[in-house]
């Protein structure tokens, strides 16, 4: 069984939810960048940066290291 990670952002009336496994982390980060660059998507660069940092934080936690608070 694979562990899943969840990133979620509620922005106004929109919800951005990403569910991925550890092997897909780089793909999710790339998708965040692509969405931030898309003028038709309300996810902006700040949002993408925050979600990317959270994804990296989740990676640290899955490696067995003690997480710091965000």
Protein backbone atom coordinates (compact mmCIF):
# COMPACT_ATOMS: atom_id res chain seq x y z
CA UNK A 1 0.00 0.00 0.00
CA UNK A 2 1.37 3.42 -0.93
CA UNK A 3 1.09 6.42 1.34
CA UNK A 4 -0.63 9.39 -0.25
CA UNK A 5 0.08 13.05 0.32
CA UNK A 6 -2.54 15.78 0.09
CA UNK A 7 -2.00 19.46 -0.64
CA UNK A 8 -5.04 21.70 -0.40
CA UNK A 9 -5.64 25.40 -0.86
CA UNK A 10 -8.97 27.18 -0.48
CA UNK A 11 -8.92 30.49 -2.31
CA UNK A 12 -12.16 32.39 -2.28
CA UNK A 13 -14.78 30.01 -3.63
CA UNK A 14 -12.22 27.76 -5.30
CA UNK A 15 -10.51 24.68 -3.96
CA UNK A 16 -7.20 23.36 -5.22
CA UNK A 17 -6.59 19.81 -4.02
CA UNK A 18 -3.65 17.65 -5.08
CA UNK A 19 -3.34 14.00 -4.05
CA UNK A 20 -0.08 12.27 -4.93
CA UNK A 21 2.41 9.66 -3.79
CA UNK A 22 6.06 10.33 -2.99
CA UNK A 23 7.16 9.26 -6.46
CA UNK A 24 4.91 11.89 -8.06
CA UNK A 25 6.08 14.87 -5.99
CA UNK A 26 8.13 16.42 -8.83
CA UNK A 27 5.19 16.02 -11.19
CA UNK A 28 2.88 17.84 -8.77
CA UNK A 29 5.40 20.64 -8.30
CA UNK A 30 5.64 20.99 -12.08
CA UNK A 31 1.85 21.12 -12.34
CA UNK A 32 1.77 23.88 -9.72
CA UNK A 33 4.24 25.91 -11.79
CA UNK A 34 2.23 25.33 -14.96
CA UNK A 35 -1.00 26.42 -13.29
CA UNK A 36 0.62 29.52 -11.80
CA UNK A 37 1.85 30.50 -15.28
CA UNK A 38 -1.62 29.99 -16.82
CA UNK A 39 -3.57 33.28 -16.87
CA UNK A 40 -6.85 31.32 -16.94
CA UNK A 41 -6.12 29.72 -13.54
CA UNK A 42 -6.41 31.82 -10.36
CA UNK A 43 -3.55 29.97 -8.65
CA UNK A 44 -0.75 32.55 -8.56
CA UNK A 45 3.00 32.28 -8.03
CA UNK A 46 2.74 32.91 -4.28
CA UNK A 47 0.17 30.12 -3.95
CA UNK A 48 2.39 27.78 -5.97
CA UNK A 49 5.40 28.65 -3.81
CA UNK A 50 3.49 27.93 -0.59
CA UNK A 51 2.17 24.61 -1.92
CA UNK A 52 5.63 23.64 -3.20
CA UNK A 53 7.12 24.32 0.22
CA UNK A 54 4.43 22.17 1.83
CA UNK A 55 5.15 19.35 -0.64
CA UNK A 56 8.82 19.51 0.27
CA UNK A 57 7.92 19.57 3.95
CA UNK A 58 5.84 16.43 3.44
CA UNK A 59 8.87 14.79 1.81
CA UNK A 60 10.95 15.59 4.88
CA UNK A 61 8.30 14.05 7.12
CA UNK A 62 8.09 10.90 5.00
CA UNK A 63 11.89 10.51 5.28
CA UNK A 64 11.45 10.07 9.03
CA UNK A 65 12.88 13.44 10.00
CA UNK A 66 11.16 15.60 12.56
CA UNK A 67 9.02 18.20 10.79
CA UNK A 68 9.13 21.86 11.67
CA UNK A 69 5.95 23.87 11.92
CA UNK A 70 4.80 25.81 8.89
